[in-house]
Structures are given as structure tokens and as C-alpha cells.
Amino acid sequence: MSLDDGATWRPAHLRRDDHGRTWTRWTLPWTPGSSDAGPHRLIARATDRTGATQPATVPFDDGGYQFWAAVRHPVTVA
């Protein structure tokens, strides 16, 4: 998980054992400070057992079936 638009990455905690080739729920504790107020973009990406990591972007797929890029999550800290 990146809290700074991909400049640095923190490992998340998987919520169950890796069964391979499946979606896996994860958590990452984050307590924003008062200086963090405002919009942020959290980025989640997966890394497999071989060390291959999801890319930041992928070519557009007209069919919408093959999206494998890292996912960005906009949040606002009040």
C-alpha cells in the first residue's frame, strides 16, 4: 500500500493464507495525523511469489475484462 502516490510502499497484512490465483482481503493500519487533512490517493498493488508486481498502468481494454493495474483509492481526511 502506498500513502504517498507510489513514492514509497508499505506491506499490508493478508487476512487469510494465500491460496494462489484468487483475490485476497488485506488490511493496513493507518492513522492520519492532523497535518494529513485533505485529499489523498491510496494505492494498492499485489506482488506474487515470484516478485512480480502489478504495474501502475495498463493498456485500455474495450471489453473491460483485463484490468490488472494497481488500484487507486481516493480518500479525504477531515
N, C-alpha and C. Protein backbone atom coordinates (compact mmCIF):
# COMPACT_ATOMS: atom_id res chain seq x y z
N MET A 1 0.86 -1.17 0.00
CA MET A 1 0.00 0.00 0.00
C MET A 1 0.90 1.22 0.00
N SER A 2 0.53 2.18 -0.81
CA SER A 2 1.25 3.45 -0.83
C SER A 2 0.33 4.55 -0.34
N LEU A 3 0.83 5.37 0.54
CA LEU A 3 0.08 6.50 1.07
C LEU A 3 0.56 7.81 0.47
N ASP A 4 1.58 7.74 -0.41
CA ASP A 4 2.17 8.96 -0.98
C ASP A 4 2.26 8.88 -2.51
N ASP A 5 1.20 8.37 -3.12
CA ASP A 5 1.08 8.30 -4.58
C ASP A 5 2.17 7.46 -5.24
N GLY A 6 2.63 6.43 -4.54
CA GLY A 6 3.58 5.48 -5.10
C GLY A 6 5.04 5.78 -4.85
N ALA A 7 5.35 6.83 -4.10
CA ALA A 7 6.76 7.15 -3.80
C ALA A 7 7.37 6.08 -2.89
N THR A 8 6.60 5.61 -1.91
CA THR A 8 7.04 4.54 -1.02
C THR A 8 5.91 3.54 -0.86
N TRP A 9 6.26 2.33 -0.43
CA TRP A 9 5.26 1.26 -0.27
C TRP A 9 5.40 0.61 1.08
N ARG A 10 4.26 0.23 1.68
CA ARG A 10 4.22 -0.48 2.95
C ARG A 10 3.52 -1.82 2.73
N PRO A 11 4.03 -2.90 3.32
CA PRO A 11 3.36 -4.19 3.16
C PRO A 11 2.05 -4.24 3.95
N ALA A 12 1.03 -4.76 3.34
CA ALA A 12 -0.25 -4.96 4.02
C ALA A 12 -0.25 -6.35 4.66
N HIS A 13 -1.22 -6.59 5.50
CA HIS A 13 -1.36 -7.88 6.18
C HIS A 13 -2.49 -8.64 5.50
N LEU A 14 -2.18 -9.84 4.97
CA LEU A 14 -3.20 -10.65 4.34
C LEU A 14 -4.16 -11.17 5.40
N ARG A 15 -5.44 -11.20 5.07
CA ARG A 15 -6.45 -11.62 6.04
C ARG A 15 -6.64 -13.12 6.10
N ARG A 16 -6.02 -13.85 5.18
CA ARG A 16 -6.07 -15.31 5.22
C ARG A 16 -4.86 -15.83 4.45
N ASP A 17 -4.62 -17.13 4.53
CA ASP A 17 -3.49 -17.70 3.81
C ASP A 17 -3.66 -17.53 2.31
N ASP A 18 -2.55 -17.41 1.61
CA ASP A 18 -2.55 -17.29 0.16
C ASP A 18 -2.88 -18.64 -0.46
N HIS A 19 -3.92 -18.68 -1.24
CA HIS A 19 -4.31 -19.92 -1.92
C HIS A 19 -3.95 -19.87 -3.40
N GLY A 20 -3.32 -18.80 -3.83
CA GLY A 20 -2.88 -18.69 -5.21
C GLY A 20 -4.01 -18.39 -6.18
N ARG A 21 -3.78 -17.44 -7.06
CA ARG A 21 -4.69 -17.08 -8.14
C ARG A 21 -6.09 -16.69 -7.69
N THR A 22 -6.20 -16.13 -6.51
CA THR A 22 -7.50 -15.67 -6.02
C THR A 22 -7.35 -14.28 -5.41
N TRP A 23 -8.45 -13.55 -5.34
CA TRP A 23 -8.46 -12.29 -4.63
C TRP A 23 -8.24 -12.57 -3.16
N THR A 24 -7.50 -11.72 -2.49
CA THR A 24 -7.22 -11.90 -1.08
C THR A 24 -7.49 -10.60 -0.34
N ARG A 25 -8.28 -10.68 0.71
CA ARG A 25 -8.54 -9.49 1.54
C ARG A 25 -7.30 -9.17 2.35
N TRP A 26 -7.10 -7.88 2.62
CA TRP A 26 -5.94 -7.44 3.36
C TRP A 26 -6.31 -6.24 4.21
N THR A 27 -5.43 -5.90 5.15
CA THR A 27 -5.61 -4.71 5.98
C THR A 27 -4.27 -3.99 6.09
N LEU A 28 -4.35 -2.70 6.36
CA LEU A 28 -3.16 -1.90 6.62
C LEU A 28 -3.56 -0.80 7.59
N PRO A 29 -3.12 -0.90 8.84
CA PRO A 29 -3.46 0.17 9.80
C PRO A 29 -2.87 1.50 9.35
N TRP A 30 -3.69 2.54 9.38
CA TRP A 30 -3.24 3.89 9.04
C TRP A 30 -4.02 4.88 9.89
N THR A 31 -3.32 5.65 10.67
CA THR A 31 -3.95 6.69 11.48
C THR A 31 -3.41 8.02 10.99
N PRO A 32 -4.19 8.74 10.17
CA PRO A 32 -3.70 10.02 9.68
C PRO A 32 -3.56 11.03 10.80
N GLY A 33 -2.54 11.86 10.72
CA GLY A 33 -2.33 12.92 11.68
C GLY A 33 -3.05 14.19 11.26
N SER A 34 -3.05 15.19 12.10
CA SER A 34 -3.74 16.44 11.80
C SER A 34 -3.13 17.13 10.58
N SER A 35 -1.86 16.90 10.31
CA SER A 35 -1.23 17.52 9.14
C SER A 35 -1.60 16.80 7.84
N ASP A 36 -2.29 15.65 7.95
CA ASP A 36 -2.69 14.88 6.78
C ASP A 36 -4.06 15.27 6.24
N ALA A 37 -4.69 16.30 6.81
CA ALA A 37 -6.03 16.69 6.37
C ALA A 37 -6.04 17.02 4.88
N GLY A 38 -7.12 16.60 4.21
CA GLY A 38 -7.28 16.89 2.79
C GLY A 38 -7.35 15.62 1.97
N PRO A 39 -7.32 15.75 0.65
CA PRO A 39 -7.46 14.58 -0.23
C PRO A 39 -6.16 13.78 -0.31
N HIS A 40 -6.32 12.49 -0.43
CA HIS A 40 -5.21 11.56 -0.60
C HIS A 40 -5.61 10.51 -1.62
N ARG A 41 -4.62 9.86 -2.20
CA ARG A 41 -4.89 8.74 -3.10
C ARG A 41 -4.07 7.56 -2.61
N LEU A 42 -4.75 6.59 -2.03
CA LEU A 42 -4.09 5.37 -1.56
C LEU A 42 -3.99 4.42 -2.75
N ILE A 43 -2.88 3.73 -2.87
CA ILE A 43 -2.69 2.82 -3.98
C ILE A 43 -2.40 1.43 -3.44
N ALA A 44 -3.14 0.45 -3.92
CA ALA A 44 -2.93 -0.94 -3.54
C ALA A 44 -2.42 -1.71 -4.75
N ARG A 45 -1.42 -2.53 -4.54
CA ARG A 45 -0.92 -3.39 -5.62
C ARG A 45 -0.51 -4.73 -5.02
N ALA A 46 -0.55 -5.74 -5.83
CA ALA A 46 -0.19 -7.08 -5.38
C ALA A 46 1.19 -7.47 -5.92
N THR A 47 1.87 -8.30 -5.14
CA THR A 47 3.13 -8.89 -5.57
C THR A 47 3.02 -10.39 -5.37
N ASP A 48 3.35 -11.16 -6.40
CA ASP A 48 3.20 -12.61 -6.29
C ASP A 48 4.45 -13.26 -5.72
N ARG A 49 4.43 -14.57 -5.63
CA ARG A 49 5.54 -15.30 -5.02
C ARG A 49 6.85 -15.16 -5.77
N THR A 50 6.77 -14.84 -7.08
CA THR A 50 7.99 -14.68 -7.87
C THR A 50 8.57 -13.28 -7.77
N GLY A 51 7.84 -12.35 -7.12
CA GLY A 51 8.28 -10.97 -7.01
C GLY A 51 7.69 -10.06 -8.07
N ALA A 52 6.86 -10.61 -8.98
CA ALA A 52 6.20 -9.79 -10.00
C ALA A 52 5.14 -8.91 -9.33
N THR A 53 5.16 -7.63 -9.66
CA THR A 53 4.25 -6.66 -9.04
C THR A 53 3.34 -6.05 -10.10
N GLN A 54 2.11 -5.75 -9.71
CA GLN A 54 1.18 -5.10 -10.63
C GLN A 54 1.76 -3.79 -11.14
N PRO A 55 1.57 -3.49 -12.43
CA PRO A 55 2.07 -2.23 -12.97
C PRO A 55 1.18 -1.06 -12.54
N ALA A 56 1.72 0.16 -12.68
CA ALA A 56 0.95 1.37 -12.34
C ALA A 56 -0.18 1.60 -13.34
N THR A 57 0.04 1.28 -14.60
CA THR A 57 -0.98 1.46 -15.64
C THR A 57 -0.94 0.27 -16.59
N VAL A 58 -2.04 0.06 -17.29
CA VAL A 58 -2.13 -0.98 -18.32
C VAL A 58 -2.88 -0.40 -19.52
N PRO A 59 -2.73 -0.99 -20.71
CA PRO A 59 -3.48 -0.50 -21.86
C PRO A 59 -4.99 -0.65 -21.63
N PHE A 60 -5.77 0.27 -22.19
CA PHE A 60 -7.22 0.22 -22.05
C PHE A 60 -7.77 -1.00 -22.78
N ASP A 61 -8.70 -1.70 -22.16
CA ASP A 61 -9.34 -2.88 -22.75
C ASP A 61 -10.80 -2.54 -23.02
N ASP A 62 -11.18 -2.45 -24.29
CA ASP A 62 -12.56 -2.11 -24.67
C ASP A 62 -13.58 -3.06 -24.05
N GLY A 63 -13.21 -4.33 -23.88
CA GLY A 63 -14.13 -5.30 -23.31
C GLY A 63 -14.26 -5.17 -21.80
N GLY A 64 -13.28 -4.53 -21.16
CA GLY A 64 -13.34 -4.32 -19.72
C GLY A 64 -13.02 -5.53 -18.88
N TYR A 65 -12.45 -6.56 -19.49
CA TYR A 65 -12.22 -7.80 -18.76
C TYR A 65 -10.82 -7.95 -18.20
N GLN A 66 -9.86 -7.22 -18.73
CA GLN A 66 -8.48 -7.47 -18.32
C GLN A 66 -7.86 -6.22 -17.72
N PHE A 67 -8.27 -5.89 -16.52
CA PHE A 67 -7.65 -4.78 -15.80
C PHE A 67 -6.79 -5.36 -14.70
N TRP A 68 -5.49 -5.15 -14.81
CA TRP A 68 -4.58 -5.74 -13.83
C TRP A 68 -3.61 -4.72 -13.22
N ALA A 69 -3.92 -3.45 -13.36
CA ALA A 69 -3.04 -2.42 -12.81
C ALA A 69 -3.29 -2.23 -11.32
N ALA A 70 -2.37 -1.56 -10.66
CA ALA A 70 -2.54 -1.20 -9.25
C ALA A 70 -3.78 -0.33 -9.12
N VAL A 71 -4.49 -0.50 -8.03
CA VAL A 71 -5.77 0.19 -7.84
C VAL A 71 -5.59 1.41 -6.94
N ARG A 72 -6.15 2.53 -7.37
CA ARG A 72 -6.08 3.78 -6.61
C ARG A 72 -7.39 4.02 -5.88
N HIS A 73 -7.29 4.44 -4.62
CA HIS A 73 -8.46 4.67 -3.79
C HIS A 73 -8.44 6.12 -3.28
N PRO A 74 -9.31 6.98 -3.81
CA PRO A 74 -9.32 8.36 -3.31
C PRO A 74 -10.02 8.42 -1.94
N VAL A 75 -9.40 9.13 -1.01
CA VAL A 75 -9.98 9.33 0.32
C VAL A 75 -9.75 10.79 0.72
N THR A 76 -10.58 11.28 1.62
CA THR A 76 -10.40 12.61 2.15
C THR A 76 -10.31 12.53 3.67
N VAL A 77 -9.24 13.07 4.22
CA VAL A 77 -9.05 13.10 5.67
C VAL A 77 -9.58 14.42 6.17
N ALA A 78 -10.53 14.34 7.11
CA ALA A 78 -11.15 15.57 7.65
C ALA A 78 -10.46 16.00 8.93
